[in-house]
Protein backbone atom coordinates (compact mmCIF):
# COMPACT_ATOMS: atom_id res chain seq x y z
CA MET A 1 -70.19 77.69 88.90
CA THR A 2 -73.83 78.70 89.08
CA PRO A 3 -76.20 77.37 91.74
CA ALA A 4 -78.28 75.65 89.09
CA LEU A 5 -75.30 73.63 87.86
CA ILE A 6 -74.43 72.60 91.36
CA ALA A 7 -77.98 71.45 91.96
CA LEU A 8 -77.86 69.35 88.79
CA LEU A 9 -74.64 67.66 89.89
CA VAL A 10 -76.11 66.82 93.28
CA ILE A 11 -79.21 65.38 91.69
CA ALA A 12 -77.06 63.27 89.32
CA LEU A 13 -75.00 61.90 92.18
CA LEU A 14 -78.17 61.08 94.09
CA LEU A 15 -79.56 59.22 91.13
CA VAL A 16 -76.38 57.21 90.75
CA PHE A 17 -76.45 56.32 94.43
CA VAL A 18 -80.10 55.31 94.24
CA LEU A 19 -79.42 53.16 91.17
CA ALA A 20 -76.52 51.48 92.96
CA LYS A 21 -78.81 50.68 95.85
CA SER A 22 -81.54 49.42 93.53
CA VAL A 23 -79.46 46.93 91.45
CA THR A 24 -77.62 43.86 92.85
CA ILE A 25 -75.90 40.95 91.11
CA VAL A 26 -75.94 37.45 92.66
CA PRO A 27 -73.03 35.14 91.59
CA GLN A 28 -73.57 31.51 90.58
CA ALA A 29 -73.93 28.95 93.46
CA GLN A 30 -74.80 31.73 95.89
CA ALA A 31 -78.02 33.17 97.29
CA LYS A 32 -78.88 36.45 99.01
CA VAL A 33 -81.47 36.88 101.72
CA VAL A 34 -83.35 40.22 101.31
CA GLU A 35 -85.18 42.02 104.14
CA ARG A 36 -87.72 44.76 103.63
CA LEU A 37 -88.01 47.17 106.49
CA GLY A 38 -86.39 44.61 108.80
CA ARG A 39 -88.49 41.62 107.81
CA TYR A 40 -87.63 38.69 105.51
CA SER A 41 -88.75 39.54 101.98
CA ARG A 42 -87.28 37.03 99.54
CA THR A 43 -84.20 35.05 98.55
CA LEU A 44 -82.41 36.25 95.44
CA SER A 45 -81.22 33.62 92.96
CA PRO A 46 -78.09 34.00 90.81
CA GLY A 47 -78.33 36.87 88.29
CA LEU A 48 -79.38 40.55 88.21
CA SER A 49 -81.99 41.64 90.75
CA ILE A 50 -83.75 44.98 91.50
CA LEU A 51 -84.18 46.23 95.07
CA VAL A 52 -86.25 49.08 96.43
CA PRO A 53 -83.77 51.72 97.57
CA PHE A 54 -83.75 52.48 101.28
CA VAL A 55 -86.45 49.83 101.78
CA ASP A 56 -84.90 46.51 100.80
CA ARG A 57 -81.63 45.35 102.30
CA VAL A 58 -79.45 42.26 101.69
CA ARG A 59 -79.17 40.50 105.05
CA ALA A 60 -76.64 37.74 104.16
CA THR A 61 -75.00 36.04 101.23
CA ILE A 62 -75.06 32.22 101.50
CA ASP A 63 -72.72 29.82 99.63
CA LEU A 64 -74.79 26.93 98.22
CA ARG A 65 -71.83 24.69 97.38
CA GLU A 66 -70.86 21.64 99.50
CA GLN A 67 -68.46 22.75 102.16
CA VAL A 68 -65.81 20.92 104.21
CA ILE A 69 -65.03 21.70 107.82
CA SER A 70 -62.25 20.02 109.82
CA PHE A 71 -62.67 20.21 113.57
CA PRO A 72 -59.66 20.10 115.93
CA PRO A 73 -59.07 16.95 118.03
CA GLN A 74 -61.71 16.44 120.68
CA PRO A 75 -60.95 14.53 123.91
CA VAL A 76 -63.25 11.50 124.18
CA ILE A 77 -63.34 8.87 126.96
CA THR A 78 -64.01 5.28 125.82
CA ALA A 79 -65.91 2.57 127.69
CA ASP A 80 -62.65 1.19 129.15
CA ASN A 81 -61.77 4.63 130.66
CA LEU A 82 -59.15 5.64 128.13
CA GLN A 83 -58.97 9.20 126.85
CA VAL A 84 -58.37 9.51 123.14
CA GLY A 85 -58.29 12.49 120.78
CA ILE A 86 -60.50 12.22 117.69
CA ASP A 87 -60.31 14.47 114.61
CA THR A 88 -63.45 14.69 112.48
CA VAL A 89 -64.16 16.06 109.01
CA LEU A 90 -67.68 17.23 108.13
CA TYR A 91 -69.15 17.57 104.62
CA PHE A 92 -72.36 19.65 104.46
CA GLN A 93 -74.39 21.84 102.11
CA VAL A 94 -76.90 24.70 102.67
CA THR A 95 -80.23 23.73 101.16
CA ASP A 96 -82.37 26.60 102.52
CA PRO A 97 -80.65 30.02 102.86
CA ARG A 98 -83.54 31.55 104.84
CA LEU A 99 -83.34 28.81 107.55
CA ALA A 100 -79.55 29.02 107.60
CA VAL A 101 -79.85 32.75 108.38
CA TYR A 102 -82.83 32.75 110.71
CA GLY A 103 -82.77 29.16 112.06
CA ILE A 104 -79.48 29.47 113.97
CA ALA A 105 -77.15 32.30 114.71
CA ASN A 106 -73.97 30.49 113.53
CA TYR A 107 -74.48 27.10 111.94
CA ILE A 108 -70.72 26.37 111.77
CA THR A 109 -70.33 26.65 115.55
CA GLY A 110 -73.55 24.74 116.07
CA MET A 111 -72.37 21.81 113.93
CA GLU A 112 -69.00 21.74 115.69
CA GLN A 113 -70.56 21.48 119.13
CA LEU A 114 -73.16 19.00 117.92
CA THR A 115 -70.42 16.82 116.39
CA THR A 116 -68.41 16.86 119.63
CA THR A 117 -71.31 15.85 121.85
CA THR A 118 -72.55 13.19 119.45
CA LEU A 119 -69.03 11.78 119.07
CA ARG A 120 -68.65 11.49 122.84
CA ASN A 121 -71.97 9.67 123.12
CA VAL A 122 -71.13 7.21 120.35
CA VAL A 123 -67.50 6.50 121.34
CA GLY A 124 -68.34 6.40 125.05
CA GLY A 125 -70.16 3.12 124.51
CA LEU A 126 -67.18 1.48 122.79
CA ASN A 127 -63.84 0.29 124.07
CA LEU A 128 -60.57 1.32 122.46
CA GLU A 129 -60.40 -1.73 120.23
CA GLY A 130 -63.97 -1.19 119.05
CA ALA A 131 -63.33 2.51 118.41
CA LEU A 132 -60.22 1.77 116.37
CA THR A 133 -61.83 -0.94 114.27
CA GLY A 134 -65.40 0.44 114.09
CA ARG A 135 -64.88 3.71 112.27
CA ASP A 136 -67.53 2.99 109.66
CA GLY A 137 -70.17 2.48 112.35
CA ILE A 138 -69.15 5.67 114.14
CA ASN A 139 -69.31 7.65 110.87
CA SER A 140 -72.80 6.34 110.08
CA GLN A 141 -74.14 7.17 113.56
CA LEU A 142 -72.66 10.69 113.47
CA ARG A 143 -74.13 11.38 110.04
CA ASP A 144 -77.61 10.20 111.04
CA VAL A 145 -77.62 12.36 114.18
CA LEU A 146 -76.18 15.49 112.51
CA ASP A 147 -78.40 15.23 109.43
CA GLY A 148 -81.52 14.87 111.55
CA THR A 149 -80.56 17.77 113.85
CA THR A 150 -79.38 20.24 111.21
CA GLY A 151 -82.44 19.79 109.00
CA PRO A 152 -84.33 22.71 110.65
CA TRP A 153 -81.22 24.85 110.04
CA GLY A 154 -81.51 24.43 106.29
CA LEU A 155 -78.43 22.19 106.14
CA ARG A 156 -77.77 18.75 104.71
CA VAL A 157 -74.90 16.70 106.16
CA ALA A 158 -73.45 14.58 103.34
CA ARG A 159 -70.64 12.70 105.15
CA VAL A 160 -68.86 12.59 108.47
CA GLU A 161 -65.37 11.07 108.57
CA ILE A 162 -63.08 10.35 111.51
CA LYS A 163 -59.67 11.56 110.39
CA ALA A 164 -57.57 10.31 113.31
CA ILE A 165 -57.90 8.58 116.67
CA ASP A 166 -54.92 9.30 118.92
CA PRO A 167 -54.68 7.10 122.04
CA PRO A 168 -52.25 8.01 124.84
CA ALA A 169 -48.55 7.34 124.38
CA SER A 170 -48.54 4.50 126.92
CA ILE A 171 -51.45 2.85 125.16
CA GLN A 172 -49.71 3.21 121.81
CA ASP A 173 -46.60 1.56 123.25
CA SER A 174 -48.70 -1.31 124.62
CA MET A 175 -50.47 -1.68 121.30
CA GLU A 176 -47.14 -1.83 119.49
CA LYS A 177 -45.91 -4.51 121.90
CA GLN A 178 -49.13 -6.47 121.42
CA MET A 179 -48.86 -6.19 117.66
CA ARG A 180 -45.20 -7.26 117.80
CA ALA A 181 -46.08 -10.23 120.03
CA ASP A 182 -48.87 -11.23 117.65
CA ARG A 183 -46.50 -11.01 114.68
CA ASP A 184 -43.91 -13.09 116.55
CA LYS A 185 -46.58 -15.64 117.45
CA ARG A 186 -47.68 -16.00 113.84
CA ALA A 187 -44.06 -16.25 112.72
CA ILE A 188 -43.41 -19.04 115.25
CA ILE A 189 -46.59 -20.84 114.17
CA LEU A 190 -45.63 -20.57 110.50
CA THR A 191 -42.09 -21.76 111.28
CA ALA A 192 -43.42 -24.74 113.23
CA GLU A 193 -45.86 -25.55 110.45
CA GLY A 194 -43.06 -25.39 107.91
CA ALA A 195 -40.87 -27.67 110.06
CA ARG A 196 -43.79 -30.08 110.43
CA GLN A 197 -44.43 -30.19 106.70
CA SER A 198 -40.70 -30.60 106.07
CA ALA A 199 -40.50 -33.50 108.56
CA ILE A 200 -43.55 -35.16 107.00
CA THR A 201 -42.13 -34.78 103.50
CA THR A 202 -38.72 -36.07 104.62
CA ALA A 203 -40.31 -39.05 106.37
CA GLU A 204 -42.36 -39.86 103.28
CA GLY A 205 -39.23 -39.63 101.13
CA GLU A 206 -37.28 -41.89 103.50
CA LYS A 207 -40.18 -44.34 103.54
CA ALA A 208 -40.33 -44.43 99.74
CA ALA A 209 -36.54 -44.80 99.57
CA ALA A 210 -36.62 -47.66 102.09
CA ILE A 211 -39.37 -49.40 100.14
CA LEU A 212 -37.47 -49.01 96.87
CA SER A 213 -34.24 -50.17 98.52
CA ALA A 214 -36.00 -53.23 99.95
CA GLU A 215 -37.54 -53.95 96.56
CA GLY A 216 -34.12 -53.63 94.94
CA LYS A 217 -32.51 -55.95 97.52
CA LYS A 218 -35.33 -58.44 97.10
CA GLN A 219 -35.09 -58.41 93.33
CA SER A 220 -31.30 -58.62 93.52
CA ALA A 221 -31.52 -61.63 95.88
CA ILE A 222 -34.03 -63.29 93.56
CA LEU A 223 -31.81 -62.68 90.54
CA GLU A 224 -28.70 -63.89 92.39
CA ALA A 225 -30.49 -67.02 93.56
CA GLU A 226 -31.81 -67.65 90.05
CA ALA A 227 -28.34 -67.08 88.56
CA GLU A 228 -26.74 -69.39 91.15
CA ARG A 229 -29.37 -72.02 90.45
CA GLN A 230 -28.87 -71.81 86.69
CA SER A 231 -25.08 -71.78 87.16
CA ARG A 232 -25.17 -74.90 89.33
CA ILE A 233 -27.48 -76.64 86.86
CA LEU A 234 -25.24 -75.77 83.91
CA ARG A 235 -22.11 -76.73 85.88
CA ALA A 236 -23.69 -80.08 86.79
CA GLU A 237 -24.66 -80.59 83.17
CA GLY A 238 -21.08 -79.84 82.11
CA GLU A 239 -19.62 -82.21 84.70
CA ARG A 240 -22.08 -84.91 83.68
CA ALA A 241 -21.19 -84.43 80.01
CA ALA A 242 -17.47 -84.51 80.89
CA LEU A 243 -17.88 -87.70 82.90
CA TYR A 244 -19.88 -89.22 80.07
CA LEU A 245 -17.20 -88.31 77.53
CA GLN A 246 -14.49 -89.60 79.88
CA ALA A 247 -16.36 -92.88 80.31
CA GLN A 248 -16.73 -93.14 76.54
CA GLY A 249 -13.01 -92.48 76.13
CA GLN A 250 -12.07 -95.06 78.73
CA ALA A 251 -14.41 -97.59 77.12
CA LYS A 252 -12.87 -96.95 73.70
CA SER A 253 -9.39 -97.11 75.22
CA ILE A 254 -10.08 -100.42 76.98
CA GLU A 255 -11.65 -101.82 73.83
CA THR A 256 -8.69 -100.73 71.71
CA VAL A 257 -6.05 -102.04 74.17
CA PHE A 258 -7.92 -105.31 74.60
CA GLN A 259 -8.11 -105.79 70.85
CA ALA A 260 -4.48 -104.79 70.39
CA ILE A 261 -3.38 -107.36 72.99
CA HIS A 262 -5.27 -110.13 71.22
CA ASP A 263 -4.05 -109.05 67.83
CA GLY A 264 -0.43 -108.82 69.04
CA LYS A 265 -0.22 -112.43 70.55
CA PRO A 266 2.21 -111.59 73.48
CA ASP A 267 4.91 -114.23 74.19
CA GLN A 268 6.64 -115.40 77.38
CA GLY A 269 9.49 -112.94 77.12
CA LEU A 270 7.15 -109.96 76.92
CA LEU A 271 5.19 -111.11 79.95
CA ALA A 272 8.34 -111.71 81.95
CA TYR A 273 9.64 -108.30 80.97
CA GLN A 274 6.41 -106.64 82.08
CA TYR A 275 6.51 -108.59 85.35
CA LEU A 276 10.04 -107.41 86.02
CA GLN A 277 9.09 -103.80 85.34
CA THR A 278 6.17 -104.04 87.78
CA LEU A 279 8.18 -105.44 90.69
CA PRO A 280 10.11 -102.16 91.42
CA LYS A 281 6.84 -100.20 91.42
CA ILE A 282 5.43 -102.55 94.04
CA ALA A 283 8.47 -101.95 96.24
CA GLN A 284 8.22 -98.13 95.99
CA GLY A 285 5.29 -97.80 98.46
CA ASP A 286 5.87 -95.69 101.60
CA ALA A 287 4.39 -98.44 103.79
CA ASN A 288 6.82 -101.08 102.52
CA LYS A 289 9.65 -101.32 105.07
CA MET A 290 10.94 -104.60 103.73
CA TRP A 291 10.40 -106.48 100.49
CA ILE A 292 11.52 -110.09 99.99
CA VAL A 293 12.01 -111.60 96.58
CA PRO A 294 10.66 -115.17 96.57
CA SER A 295 13.28 -117.94 96.32
CA GLU A 296 11.27 -119.78 93.76
CA PHE A 297 11.34 -116.77 91.49
CA SER A 298 12.39 -118.90 88.49
CA LYS A 299 9.47 -121.24 89.02
CA ALA A 300 7.19 -118.23 89.17
CA LEU A 301 8.62 -117.06 85.91
CA GLU A 302 8.12 -120.50 84.46
CA GLY A 303 4.51 -120.51 85.65
CA LEU A 304 3.98 -117.14 84.10
CA ALA A 305 5.52 -118.43 80.90
CA ASN A 306 3.20 -121.43 80.89
CA LEU A 307 0.24 -119.08 81.37
CA GLY A 308 1.54 -117.03 78.48
CA GLY A 309 1.51 -120.10 76.15
CA ALA A 310 5.01 -121.55 76.55
CA GLY A 311 3.68 -124.96 77.58
CA GLU A 312 1.58 -127.48 75.77
CA GLY A 313 -1.73 -125.74 76.57
CA GLY A 314 -2.72 -122.54 74.90
CA SER A 315 -2.50 -119.08 76.43
CA TRP A 316 -5.51 -117.68 78.24
CA MET A 317 -5.19 -114.68 76.01
CA ASP A 318 -5.34 -116.69 72.81
CA VAL A 319 -8.13 -115.32 70.64
CA GLY A 320 -9.37 -116.88 67.49
CA SER A 321 -8.77 -115.01 64.34
CA GLY A 322 -12.49 -114.83 63.56
CA ASN A 323 -11.59 -114.24 59.95
CA GLY A 324 -10.87 -117.78 58.75
CA ALA A 325 -7.17 -117.83 59.83
CA PRO A 326 -5.89 -120.95 61.55
CA ASP A 327 -5.35 -121.00 65.30
CA GLY A 328 -1.98 -119.71 66.37
CA ALA A 329 -1.66 -117.53 63.30
CA ALA A 330 -1.54 -113.78 63.73
CA ALA A 331 -4.82 -112.13 62.86
CA PRO A 332 -4.68 -109.35 60.35
CA ALA A 333 -4.91 -105.82 61.80
CA ARG A 334 -8.37 -104.29 61.76
CA ALA A 335 -9.11 -100.67 60.98
CA MET A 336 -10.77 -98.92 63.95
CA ASP A 337 -13.81 -96.71 63.45
CA THR A 338 -13.25 -93.50 65.49
CA SER A 339 -16.04 -91.42 63.98
CA ASP A 340 -18.25 -91.58 67.11
CA TRP A 341 -15.53 -91.41 69.74
CA PHE A 342 -16.21 -87.71 70.60
CA GLU A 343 -19.97 -87.70 70.23
CA SER A 344 -21.53 -87.14 73.65
CA GLN A 345 -25.11 -87.50 72.34
CA LEU A 346 -26.14 -84.50 74.54
CA PRO A 347 -28.49 -81.75 73.33
CA PRO A 348 -26.78 -78.44 72.47
CA ALA A 349 -26.32 -75.98 75.32
CA ALA A 350 -28.56 -73.38 73.62
CA ALA A 351 -31.38 -75.96 73.42
CA GLN A 352 -31.32 -76.71 77.15
CA PRO A 353 -34.02 -74.83 79.11
CA GLU A 354 -31.63 -74.18 81.98
CA ALA A 355 -29.42 -72.05 79.72
CA ARG A 356 -32.23 -69.52 79.06
CA ILE A 357 -32.95 -67.13 81.94
CA GLU A 358 -35.96 -65.02 81.14
CA LEU A 359 -36.50 -62.12 83.52
CA THR A 360 -39.32 -59.62 83.36
CA SER A 361 -38.93 -55.96 84.12
CA ILE A 362 -38.50 -55.08 87.76
CA ALA A 363 -41.02 -52.23 87.39
CA ASP A 364 -43.64 -54.66 86.00
CA THR A 365 -43.22 -57.25 88.74
CA MET A 366 -42.56 -54.91 91.66
CA PRO A 367 -45.30 -55.27 94.32
CA ALA A 368 -46.61 -52.36 96.40
CA VAL A 369 -45.00 -53.55 99.66
CA PRO A 370 -42.10 -56.03 99.79
CA SER A 371 -43.40 -58.86 101.97
CA PRO A 372 -42.96 -62.25 100.24
CA THR A 373 -39.91 -64.34 101.10
CA LEU A 374 -37.74 -66.50 98.90
CA PRO A 375 -38.75 -70.14 98.39
CA PRO A 376 -37.03 -72.69 100.62
CA THR A 377 -33.82 -74.26 99.49
CA ALA A 378 -35.35 -77.74 99.35
CA ALA A 379 -38.12 -76.49 97.05
CA MET A 380 -35.58 -74.73 94.81
CA ALA A 381 -33.45 -77.91 94.66
CA HIS A 382 -36.53 -79.98 93.82
CA GLU A 383 -37.47 -77.47 91.12
CA ALA A 384 -33.92 -77.55 89.70
CA GLU A 385 -33.95 -81.36 89.74
CA ALA A 386 -37.30 -81.40 87.96
CA GLU A 387 -36.02 -79.02 85.26
CA VAL A 388 -32.88 -81.12 84.51
CA PRO A 389 -33.60 -83.21 81.38
CA HIS A 390 -32.73 -86.90 81.39
CA LEU A 391 -29.79 -87.30 79.07
CA PRO A 392 -29.43 -90.43 77.02
CA GLN A 393 -27.12 -93.05 78.44
CA GLY A 394 -23.90 -93.75 76.61
CA PRO A 395 -23.23 -97.08 74.96
CA HIS A 396 -22.27 -99.87 77.30
CA VAL A 397 -18.97 -101.28 76.22
CA THR A 398 -18.38 -104.88 77.03
CA PRO A 399 -15.23 -106.68 76.03
CA PRO A 400 -15.77 -109.42 73.50
CA PRO A 401 -15.51 -112.97 74.76
CA PRO A 402 -12.16 -114.61 74.35
CA GLN A 403 -11.81 -116.62 71.19
CA GLN A 404 -11.13 -120.28 71.51
């Protein structure tokens, strides 16, 4: 190989190296900080850029996307002197690559230390209960402090989240016991409230049942009293009608027997025979220890015969014929009218007001609280007496006067 060819190859390699140093490509969402002779020159945006070889130099490549950093648990002492470990998560984004490179040596380490100190200041003013329940307030305070401090570093803090708060094991056990006691307390309260509501509902049901039972007993007593009253009234009406019919029958019987005796003209023998039949009945009494037949028994019979018409005078039972027949002659038999013998002249049972018991519905007449009492017995008797209609009196039967 000739020296000229070697020189050409060296020059070609030098040109390639110079071109490689002169051209740089910046990816999307990144930025490159360029220094010229040791001083900041410019910030390259995404795309193809030309540098001056051996004069310009890329100092750092910065990622412009939002980044997430999780810091390890940091020991923090609360206001009630309890040490807890708190994990934090930080969301940030580089807004100015030049300040991120020249404003701080390592912005990741700076944000970690700043987050730890700020977290201790914020949580140090809260007790454990406030730290556990006030995470949103702690996150807001951390973000405000970090965003205001990292502004000169070319950073923007988007969010700060507390990932975990780990109290000591003894405190966790106490918290579990407290939570269990609170759960038990609420369970006991709910059980007692349920028992109270159940007792109230049961008492209301028993009260309503007692009221309904009292109403039923009251209505039953009223109905029984009304039925007894109507039954007694109807029974009295029946007895009165029976007595009236019996009196009518006796009157008709007496009238018929009396007329038959007068029509039959009894003689002395019949009267003596009847007298003899009556004497044994008189002697049959339990109080009769001794019975003496009179010695003048024949004279008594003769007197009875004279009274019966055996003598010259007429009998006391002699009745004129009343139909033109001569005295002493047998009167012709009369036909008896029996058409009205069994007429009681009482209104029908269905027409009597006592036979109709009209009762309204219990639900319509039931009062709210059963307090009224039944009417007195005297008032009910007076009311029953007032409702009994006056029945017509039966015919008064009088025997006809004896005929001369």
